[in-house]
Amino acid sequence: MKIFLTLCLFLCSSLSLNAFSLPVREIRYEEIWKGKVFITGIVAVKKNGKLTIEPGTEVIFKSIDIDDDGIGDSELYVEGTLIVKGTKYMPVIFTSDSQEKSPSSWKYVMVNHANYAYIDYAIFEGAFSGLQVHFTKAVVKNSVFRNNIDGFRFSTSNIYVCNNKMT
């Protein structure tokens, strides 16, 4: 009987872990986003991948919190190349699908050990940490970080930062 209960507990805990895993989509080649793009879970730009986001694009992160830590779990993770080409009148918007756009509705855009990142005229709103850049050569300019817990975080990077606004 003791072995049976132990086996049941093991199976139930294994099933619950699998039931709460996030969907992951990988970008391994070149991809261009425009219009409205919806992210549920994780989109990962792999080392050989390149993601270009056109002016006026809205990247909308699903507000899900599967581990119940108060931080949304949807994210964009970049190891390859990220080019965000907004304009003054058509910025690229990274936002949540929730009406309130409250801080921590989604996790972040994480650029980590990536090939290169160029972000111009972007808006990051309602995130835990709007943009993080680590160990990557990058340019971040003319962008707005609003209503996030951490707007913009970077370390150990060759980075050019100019004309950004944190609110």
N, C-alpha and C. Protein backbone atom coordinates (compact mmCIF):
# COMPACT_ATOMS: atom_id res chain seq x y z
N MET A 1 0.83 -1.19 0.00
CA MET A 1 0.00 0.00 0.00
C MET A 1 0.88 1.26 0.00
N LYS A 2 1.97 1.26 0.79
CA LYS A 2 2.86 2.40 0.87
C LYS A 2 3.51 2.68 -0.49
N ILE A 3 3.90 1.62 -1.20
CA ILE A 3 4.50 1.79 -2.53
C ILE A 3 3.48 2.36 -3.50
N PHE A 4 2.24 1.88 -3.41
CA PHE A 4 1.17 2.38 -4.28
C PHE A 4 0.95 3.88 -4.07
N LEU A 5 0.88 4.34 -2.82
CA LEU A 5 0.69 5.76 -2.53
C LEU A 5 1.87 6.59 -3.01
N THR A 6 3.07 6.09 -2.82
CA THR A 6 4.26 6.79 -3.29
C THR A 6 4.24 6.93 -4.81
N LEU A 7 3.87 5.86 -5.50
CA LEU A 7 3.78 5.89 -6.96
C LEU A 7 2.71 6.89 -7.40
N CYS A 8 1.57 6.90 -6.74
CA CYS A 8 0.49 7.85 -7.08
C CYS A 8 0.95 9.30 -6.90
N LEU A 9 1.64 9.57 -5.78
CA LEU A 9 2.14 10.93 -5.54
C LEU A 9 3.15 11.34 -6.61
N PHE A 10 4.04 10.43 -6.98
CA PHE A 10 5.03 10.71 -8.01
C PHE A 10 4.36 11.01 -9.34
N LEU A 11 3.41 10.18 -9.73
CA LEU A 11 2.72 10.40 -11.01
C LEU A 11 1.93 11.69 -11.02
N CYS A 12 1.25 11.98 -9.94
CA CYS A 12 0.47 13.21 -9.86
C CYS A 12 1.36 14.44 -9.92
N SER A 13 2.49 14.42 -9.21
CA SER A 13 3.40 15.57 -9.26
C SER A 13 4.02 15.71 -10.63
N SER A 14 4.34 14.62 -11.31
CA SER A 14 4.89 14.68 -12.67
C SER A 14 3.89 15.25 -13.64
N LEU A 15 2.64 14.84 -13.50
CA LEU A 15 1.60 15.35 -14.40
C LEU A 15 1.38 16.84 -14.19
N SER A 16 1.39 17.29 -12.95
CA SER A 16 1.16 18.71 -12.71
C SER A 16 2.32 19.56 -13.24
N LEU A 17 3.55 19.08 -13.18
CA LEU A 17 4.67 19.83 -13.74
C LEU A 17 4.51 19.96 -15.24
N ASN A 18 4.15 18.91 -15.93
CA ASN A 18 3.97 18.94 -17.37
C ASN A 18 2.78 19.79 -17.78
N ALA A 19 1.75 19.82 -16.96
CA ALA A 19 0.54 20.57 -17.29
C ALA A 19 0.81 22.08 -17.28
N PHE A 20 1.86 22.51 -16.57
CA PHE A 20 2.10 23.94 -16.45
C PHE A 20 3.32 24.42 -17.22
N SER A 21 3.81 23.66 -18.16
CA SER A 21 4.96 24.12 -18.93
C SER A 21 4.52 25.15 -19.97
N LEU A 22 5.42 26.07 -20.26
CA LEU A 22 5.13 27.13 -21.22
C LEU A 22 5.44 26.66 -22.64
N PRO A 23 4.64 27.10 -23.60
CA PRO A 23 5.00 26.81 -24.99
C PRO A 23 6.23 27.62 -25.40
N VAL A 24 7.13 26.99 -26.15
CA VAL A 24 8.34 27.65 -26.63
C VAL A 24 8.37 27.55 -28.15
N ARG A 25 8.60 28.70 -28.79
CA ARG A 25 8.76 28.72 -30.25
C ARG A 25 10.14 29.27 -30.55
N GLU A 26 10.88 28.58 -31.41
CA GLU A 26 12.24 28.99 -31.74
C GLU A 26 12.31 29.62 -33.12
N ILE A 27 13.11 30.68 -33.22
CA ILE A 27 13.41 31.32 -34.50
C ILE A 27 14.86 30.97 -34.80
N ARG A 28 15.08 30.14 -35.82
CA ARG A 28 16.42 29.66 -36.14
C ARG A 28 16.99 30.31 -37.41
N TYR A 29 16.16 31.01 -38.16
CA TYR A 29 16.60 31.64 -39.39
C TYR A 29 16.18 33.10 -39.34
N GLU A 30 15.93 33.71 -40.46
CA GLU A 30 15.52 35.12 -40.48
C GLU A 30 14.00 35.21 -40.50
N GLU A 31 13.48 36.12 -39.67
CA GLU A 31 12.02 36.31 -39.59
C GLU A 31 11.74 37.80 -39.46
N ILE A 32 10.67 38.25 -40.10
CA ILE A 32 10.25 39.65 -40.03
C ILE A 32 8.85 39.70 -39.44
N TRP A 33 8.68 40.55 -38.43
CA TRP A 33 7.37 40.73 -37.81
C TRP A 33 6.83 42.10 -38.19
N LYS A 34 5.51 42.12 -38.49
CA LYS A 34 4.80 43.38 -38.72
C LYS A 34 3.34 43.20 -38.36
N GLY A 35 2.65 44.30 -38.12
CA GLY A 35 1.26 44.21 -37.69
C GLY A 35 1.18 43.89 -36.21
N LYS A 36 0.27 42.97 -35.85
CA LYS A 36 0.13 42.52 -34.46
C LYS A 36 0.70 41.13 -34.34
N VAL A 37 1.59 40.95 -33.37
CA VAL A 37 2.23 39.66 -33.12
C VAL A 37 1.92 39.29 -31.68
N PHE A 38 1.37 38.09 -31.48
CA PHE A 38 0.97 37.63 -30.15
C PHE A 38 1.95 36.57 -29.65
N ILE A 39 2.42 36.75 -28.41
CA ILE A 39 3.35 35.79 -27.80
C ILE A 39 2.68 35.20 -26.57
N THR A 40 2.54 33.88 -26.60
CA THR A 40 2.08 33.13 -25.43
C THR A 40 3.21 32.19 -25.06
N GLY A 41 3.82 32.41 -23.91
CA GLY A 41 4.96 31.60 -23.50
C GLY A 41 6.26 32.27 -23.91
N ILE A 42 7.15 31.50 -24.53
CA ILE A 42 8.49 32.00 -24.84
C ILE A 42 8.76 31.91 -26.34
N VAL A 43 9.24 33.01 -26.90
CA VAL A 43 9.79 33.00 -28.26
C VAL A 43 11.29 33.20 -28.10
N ALA A 44 12.07 32.26 -28.64
CA ALA A 44 13.52 32.30 -28.50
C ALA A 44 14.17 32.47 -29.87
N VAL A 45 14.92 33.55 -30.05
CA VAL A 45 15.70 33.77 -31.26
C VAL A 45 17.04 33.09 -31.02
N LYS A 46 17.26 31.97 -31.69
CA LYS A 46 18.47 31.17 -31.50
C LYS A 46 19.69 31.87 -32.11
N LYS A 47 20.88 31.36 -31.83
CA LYS A 47 22.15 31.99 -32.20
C LYS A 47 22.23 32.36 -33.69
N ASN A 48 21.75 31.51 -34.57
CA ASN A 48 21.79 31.79 -36.02
C ASN A 48 20.55 32.54 -36.49
N GLY A 49 19.61 32.81 -35.60
CA GLY A 49 18.36 33.47 -35.97
C GLY A 49 18.50 34.99 -36.00
N LYS A 50 17.63 35.60 -36.79
CA LYS A 50 17.57 37.07 -36.86
C LYS A 50 16.11 37.47 -36.89
N LEU A 51 15.72 38.33 -35.96
CA LEU A 51 14.36 38.84 -35.90
C LEU A 51 14.38 40.33 -36.18
N THR A 52 13.65 40.74 -37.21
CA THR A 52 13.49 42.15 -37.54
C THR A 52 12.03 42.51 -37.28
N ILE A 53 11.81 43.60 -36.54
CA ILE A 53 10.45 44.05 -36.23
C ILE A 53 10.25 45.40 -36.89
N GLU A 54 9.25 45.46 -37.77
CA GLU A 54 8.99 46.63 -38.62
C GLU A 54 8.28 47.75 -37.85
N PRO A 55 8.34 48.99 -38.36
CA PRO A 55 7.68 50.13 -37.73
C PRO A 55 6.18 49.88 -37.54
N GLY A 56 5.65 50.33 -36.40
CA GLY A 56 4.23 50.23 -36.12
C GLY A 56 3.77 48.86 -35.63
N THR A 57 4.68 47.93 -35.50
CA THR A 57 4.31 46.59 -35.03
C THR A 57 3.97 46.62 -33.55
N GLU A 58 2.95 45.85 -33.16
CA GLU A 58 2.62 45.64 -31.75
C GLU A 58 2.96 44.20 -31.40
N VAL A 59 3.87 44.03 -30.46
CA VAL A 59 4.19 42.71 -29.94
C VAL A 59 3.43 42.59 -28.62
N ILE A 60 2.44 41.68 -28.61
CA ILE A 60 1.51 41.59 -27.49
C ILE A 60 1.75 40.27 -26.74
N PHE A 61 2.16 40.41 -25.49
CA PHE A 61 2.48 39.25 -24.66
C PHE A 61 1.25 38.82 -23.86
N LYS A 62 0.95 37.53 -23.91
CA LYS A 62 -0.15 36.96 -23.13
C LYS A 62 0.18 37.08 -21.65
N SER A 63 -0.75 37.62 -20.90
CA SER A 63 -0.57 37.81 -19.46
C SER A 63 -0.92 36.50 -18.75
N ILE A 64 0.09 35.64 -18.58
CA ILE A 64 -0.09 34.38 -17.87
C ILE A 64 0.97 34.28 -16.78
N ASP A 65 0.59 33.70 -15.66
CA ASP A 65 1.51 33.56 -14.52
C ASP A 65 1.39 32.14 -13.99
N ILE A 66 2.03 31.20 -14.67
CA ILE A 66 1.83 29.79 -14.32
C ILE A 66 2.47 29.40 -12.99
N ASP A 67 3.50 30.12 -12.56
CA ASP A 67 4.14 29.77 -11.30
C ASP A 67 3.63 30.62 -10.14
N ASP A 68 2.64 31.47 -10.42
CA ASP A 68 1.96 32.26 -9.40
C ASP A 68 2.92 33.10 -8.54
N ASP A 69 3.93 33.70 -9.20
CA ASP A 69 4.88 34.55 -8.47
C ASP A 69 4.60 36.03 -8.66
N GLY A 70 3.50 36.35 -9.35
CA GLY A 70 3.14 37.75 -9.56
C GLY A 70 3.82 38.38 -10.76
N ILE A 71 4.59 37.59 -11.52
CA ILE A 71 5.29 38.09 -12.70
C ILE A 71 4.81 37.28 -13.91
N GLY A 72 4.35 37.98 -14.94
CA GLY A 72 3.93 37.29 -16.15
C GLY A 72 5.06 36.46 -16.73
N ASP A 73 4.72 35.37 -17.40
CA ASP A 73 5.74 34.43 -17.87
C ASP A 73 6.02 34.50 -19.36
N SER A 74 5.30 35.28 -20.12
CA SER A 74 5.58 35.39 -21.56
C SER A 74 6.79 36.28 -21.78
N GLU A 75 7.64 35.88 -22.76
CA GLU A 75 8.88 36.62 -22.98
C GLU A 75 9.42 36.42 -24.39
N LEU A 76 10.30 37.32 -24.77
CA LEU A 76 11.09 37.20 -26.00
C LEU A 76 12.54 37.09 -25.55
N TYR A 77 13.21 35.98 -25.91
CA TYR A 77 14.58 35.71 -25.49
C TYR A 77 15.46 35.66 -26.73
N VAL A 78 16.50 36.49 -26.77
CA VAL A 78 17.32 36.63 -27.97
C VAL A 78 18.75 36.21 -27.71
N GLU A 79 19.23 35.23 -28.49
CA GLU A 79 20.63 34.82 -28.52
C GLU A 79 21.25 35.17 -29.87
N GLY A 80 20.42 35.43 -30.86
CA GLY A 80 20.88 35.75 -32.20
C GLY A 80 20.93 37.26 -32.40
N THR A 81 20.21 37.75 -33.41
CA THR A 81 20.20 39.18 -33.74
C THR A 81 18.78 39.71 -33.64
N LEU A 82 18.64 40.88 -33.02
CA LEU A 82 17.34 41.56 -32.90
C LEU A 82 17.47 42.96 -33.49
N ILE A 83 16.61 43.26 -34.46
CA ILE A 83 16.55 44.59 -35.07
C ILE A 83 15.12 45.11 -34.89
N VAL A 84 14.97 46.17 -34.11
CA VAL A 84 13.67 46.81 -33.88
C VAL A 84 13.71 48.16 -34.57
N LYS A 85 12.93 48.29 -35.66
CA LYS A 85 13.02 49.48 -36.52
C LYS A 85 11.77 50.35 -36.44
N GLY A 86 11.49 50.87 -35.25
CA GLY A 86 10.38 51.80 -35.15
C GLY A 86 10.76 53.17 -35.71
N THR A 87 9.76 54.03 -35.81
CA THR A 87 10.00 55.42 -36.21
C THR A 87 9.33 56.32 -35.18
N LYS A 88 9.57 57.61 -35.28
CA LYS A 88 8.99 58.55 -34.33
C LYS A 88 7.47 58.45 -34.29
N TYR A 89 6.85 58.31 -35.44
CA TYR A 89 5.38 58.28 -35.52
C TYR A 89 4.82 56.87 -35.64
N MET A 90 5.68 55.88 -35.78
CA MET A 90 5.26 54.49 -35.83
C MET A 90 6.22 53.62 -35.00
N PRO A 91 6.18 53.82 -33.67
CA PRO A 91 7.09 53.03 -32.83
C PRO A 91 6.66 51.56 -32.79
N VAL A 92 7.59 50.71 -32.42
CA VAL A 92 7.28 49.31 -32.14
C VAL A 92 6.86 49.25 -30.68
N ILE A 93 5.73 48.62 -30.40
CA ILE A 93 5.20 48.57 -29.04
C ILE A 93 5.28 47.14 -28.51
N PHE A 94 5.92 46.98 -27.35
CA PHE A 94 5.96 45.72 -26.63
C PHE A 94 5.03 45.89 -25.43
N THR A 95 3.95 45.12 -25.38
CA THR A 95 2.92 45.35 -24.37
C THR A 95 2.24 44.05 -23.96
N SER A 96 1.36 44.18 -23.01
CA SER A 96 0.59 43.04 -22.50
C SER A 96 -0.78 42.99 -23.18
N ASP A 97 -1.40 41.82 -23.14
CA ASP A 97 -2.77 41.71 -23.66
C ASP A 97 -3.81 42.16 -22.64
N SER A 98 -3.38 42.51 -21.42
CA SER A 98 -4.34 42.95 -20.40
C SER A 98 -4.71 44.42 -20.63
N GLN A 99 -5.91 44.77 -20.31
CA GLN A 99 -6.39 46.15 -20.48
C GLN A 99 -5.63 47.14 -19.61
N GLU A 100 -5.27 46.72 -18.38
CA GLU A 100 -4.66 47.63 -17.41
C GLU A 100 -3.20 47.95 -17.72
N LYS A 101 -2.49 47.06 -18.44
CA LYS A 101 -1.05 47.23 -18.71
C LYS A 101 -0.28 47.40 -17.41
N SER A 102 -0.69 46.67 -16.38
CA SER A 102 -0.04 46.79 -15.08
C SER A 102 1.36 46.19 -15.11
N PRO A 103 2.29 46.74 -14.31
CA PRO A 103 3.65 46.21 -14.27
C PRO A 103 3.66 44.71 -13.96
N SER A 104 4.53 43.99 -14.60
CA SER A 104 4.70 42.54 -14.42
C SER A 104 3.65 41.70 -15.13
N SER A 105 2.90 42.27 -16.08
CA SER A 105 1.94 41.48 -16.86
C SER A 105 2.64 40.48 -17.77
N TRP A 106 3.84 40.83 -18.20
CA TRP A 106 4.69 39.93 -18.99
C TRP A 106 6.12 40.07 -18.46
N LYS A 107 7.02 39.16 -18.89
CA LYS A 107 8.34 39.13 -18.25
C LYS A 107 9.29 40.18 -18.82
N TYR A 108 9.82 39.95 -20.05
CA TYR A 108 10.81 40.87 -20.62
C TYR A 108 11.16 40.49 -22.05
N VAL A 109 11.92 41.41 -22.67
CA VAL A 109 12.71 41.10 -23.85
C VAL A 109 14.13 40.95 -23.32
N MET A 110 14.66 39.74 -23.38
CA MET A 110 15.99 39.44 -22.84
C MET A 110 16.94 39.21 -24.00
N VAL A 111 17.99 40.02 -24.08
CA VAL A 111 19.04 39.88 -25.09
C VAL A 111 20.29 39.46 -24.32
N ASN A 112 20.69 38.20 -24.48
CA ASN A 112 21.73 37.65 -23.63
C ASN A 112 22.73 36.84 -24.45
N HIS A 113 24.01 37.23 -24.39
CA HIS A 113 25.05 36.57 -25.18
C HIS A 113 24.62 36.51 -26.65
N ALA A 114 24.02 37.57 -27.11
CA ALA A 114 23.47 37.61 -28.47
C ALA A 114 24.52 38.15 -29.46
N ASN A 115 24.22 37.99 -30.74
CA ASN A 115 25.10 38.50 -31.78
C ASN A 115 25.09 40.02 -31.81
N TYR A 116 23.88 40.60 -31.78
CA TYR A 116 23.74 42.06 -31.89
C TYR A 116 22.28 42.42 -31.64
N ALA A 117 22.07 43.64 -31.10
CA ALA A 117 20.71 44.16 -30.93
C ALA A 117 20.69 45.64 -31.28
N TYR A 118 19.70 46.02 -32.07
CA TYR A 118 19.49 47.43 -32.44
C TYR A 118 18.03 47.74 -32.18
N ILE A 119 17.78 48.69 -31.27
CA ILE A 119 16.41 49.04 -30.90
C ILE A 119 16.26 50.54 -31.05
N ASP A 120 15.37 50.94 -31.93
CA ASP A 120 15.12 52.36 -32.20
C ASP A 120 13.62 52.61 -32.21
N TYR A 121 13.18 53.62 -31.46
CA TYR A 121 11.77 53.98 -31.36
C TYR A 121 10.90 52.79 -30.99
N ALA A 122 11.09 52.32 -29.76
CA ALA A 122 10.27 51.24 -29.21
C ALA A 122 9.64 51.72 -27.91
N ILE A 123 8.50 51.12 -27.58
CA ILE A 123 7.83 51.38 -26.31
C ILE A 123 7.70 50.04 -25.59
N PHE A 124 8.18 50.00 -24.36
CA PHE A 124 8.08 48.81 -23.52
C PHE A 124 7.16 49.16 -22.36
N GLU A 125 6.01 48.47 -22.23
CA GLU A 125 5.07 48.82 -21.17
C GLU A 125 4.45 47.58 -20.53
N GLY A 126 4.21 47.69 -19.22
CA GLY A 126 3.52 46.64 -18.48
C GLY A 126 4.35 45.39 -18.21
N ALA A 127 5.67 45.50 -18.27
CA ALA A 127 6.54 44.33 -18.09
C ALA A 127 7.12 44.28 -16.69
N PHE A 128 7.66 43.13 -16.34
CA PHE A 128 8.48 43.06 -15.14
C PHE A 128 9.76 43.84 -15.39
N SER A 129 10.45 43.52 -16.48
CA SER A 129 11.68 44.21 -16.85
C SER A 129 11.64 44.39 -18.37
N GLY A 130 11.21 45.53 -18.83
CA GLY A 130 10.98 45.77 -20.25
C GLY A 130 12.04 45.21 -21.18
N LEU A 131 13.29 45.64 -20.99
CA LEU A 131 14.40 45.21 -21.84
C LEU A 131 15.61 44.93 -20.97
N GLN A 132 16.24 43.78 -21.21
CA GLN A 132 17.51 43.46 -20.57
C GLN A 132 18.51 43.12 -21.65
N VAL A 133 19.71 43.69 -21.54
CA VAL A 133 20.80 43.42 -22.49
C VAL A 133 22.04 43.04 -21.69
N HIS A 134 22.55 41.83 -21.94
CA HIS A 134 23.72 41.35 -21.21
C HIS A 134 24.70 40.68 -22.18
N PHE A 135 25.99 41.01 -22.05
CA PHE A 135 27.06 40.38 -22.83
C PHE A 135 26.79 40.47 -24.34
N THR A 136 26.33 41.65 -24.78
CA THR A 136 25.92 41.83 -26.18
C THR A 136 26.26 43.24 -26.65
N LYS A 137 26.73 43.37 -27.87
CA LYS A 137 26.88 44.69 -28.49
C LYS A 137 25.49 45.15 -28.90
N ALA A 138 25.12 46.39 -28.48
CA ALA A 138 23.75 46.84 -28.73
C ALA A 138 23.65 48.35 -28.85
N VAL A 139 22.58 48.78 -29.51
CA VAL A 139 22.18 50.18 -29.59
C VAL A 139 20.74 50.25 -29.12
N VAL A 140 20.46 51.14 -28.15
CA VAL A 140 19.09 51.36 -27.67
C VAL A 140 18.87 52.86 -27.66
N LYS A 141 17.98 53.33 -28.54
CA LYS A 141 17.79 54.79 -28.62
C LYS A 141 16.33 55.13 -28.92
N ASN A 142 15.98 56.36 -28.56
CA ASN A 142 14.66 56.93 -28.85
C ASN A 142 13.51 56.06 -28.36
N SER A 143 13.69 55.38 -27.24
CA SER A 143 12.68 54.45 -26.76
C SER A 143 12.09 54.90 -25.43
N VAL A 144 10.90 54.38 -25.12
CA VAL A 144 10.17 54.73 -23.91
C VAL A 144 9.95 53.46 -23.10
N PHE A 145 10.25 53.55 -21.81
CA PHE A 145 10.04 52.45 -20.87
C PHE A 145 9.06 52.96 -19.83
N ARG A 146 7.81 52.46 -19.87
CA ARG A 146 6.80 53.00 -18.98
C ARG A 146 6.00 51.89 -18.30
N ASN A 147 5.68 52.16 -17.05
CA ASN A 147 4.83 51.27 -16.27
C ASN A 147 5.39 49.84 -16.17
N ASN A 148 6.69 49.73 -15.97
CA ASN A 148 7.37 48.45 -15.74
C ASN A 148 7.93 48.45 -14.33
N ILE A 149 8.26 47.28 -13.79
CA ILE A 149 8.98 47.23 -12.52
C ILE A 149 10.41 47.74 -12.75
N ASP A 150 11.14 47.11 -13.67
CA ASP A 150 12.44 47.59 -14.15
C ASP A 150 12.25 47.93 -15.62
N GLY A 151 12.53 49.14 -16.00
CA GLY A 151 12.35 49.51 -17.40
C GLY A 151 13.42 48.94 -18.30
N PHE A 152 14.68 49.14 -17.90
CA PHE A 152 15.79 48.78 -18.78
C PHE A 152 16.97 48.39 -17.90
N ARG A 153 17.52 47.22 -18.17
CA ARG A 153 18.64 46.71 -17.38
C ARG A 153 19.71 46.19 -18.33
N PHE A 154 20.98 46.52 -18.04
CA PHE A 154 22.06 45.98 -18.88
C PHE A 154 23.31 45.80 -18.04
N SER A 155 24.19 44.89 -18.50
CA SER A 155 25.46 44.68 -17.82
C SER A 155 26.46 44.04 -18.78
N THR A 156 27.73 44.31 -18.56
CA THR A 156 28.83 43.70 -19.30
C THR A 156 28.55 43.69 -20.80
N SER A 157 28.14 44.85 -21.31
CA SER A 157 27.79 44.98 -22.73
C SER A 157 28.47 46.19 -23.34
N ASN A 158 28.80 46.08 -24.60
CA ASN A 158 29.25 47.22 -25.38
C ASN A 158 27.98 47.84 -25.93
N ILE A 159 27.47 48.86 -25.23
CA ILE A 159 26.13 49.36 -25.54
C ILE A 159 26.13 50.88 -25.70
N TYR A 160 25.38 51.33 -26.69
CA TYR A 160 25.17 52.76 -26.94
C TYR A 160 23.72 53.04 -26.56
N VAL A 161 23.51 53.94 -25.60
CA VAL A 161 22.17 54.28 -25.12
C VAL A 161 21.98 55.78 -25.29
N CYS A 162 20.90 56.19 -25.96
CA CYS A 162 20.71 57.60 -26.26
C CYS A 162 19.23 57.95 -26.38
N ASN A 163 18.84 59.07 -25.76
CA ASN A 163 17.52 59.67 -25.96
C ASN A 163 16.37 58.75 -25.60
N ASN A 164 16.50 58.03 -24.49
CA ASN A 164 15.43 57.15 -24.00
C ASN A 164 14.72 57.81 -22.84
N LYS A 165 13.49 57.38 -22.58
CA LYS A 165 12.69 57.98 -21.51
C LYS A 165 12.14 56.87 -20.61
N MET A 166 12.36 57.01 -19.31
CA MET A 166 11.86 56.08 -18.31
C MET A 166 10.76 56.75 -17.51
N THR A 167 9.57 56.17 -17.49
CA THR A 167 8.48 56.76 -16.70
C THR A 167 7.81 55.70 -15.85
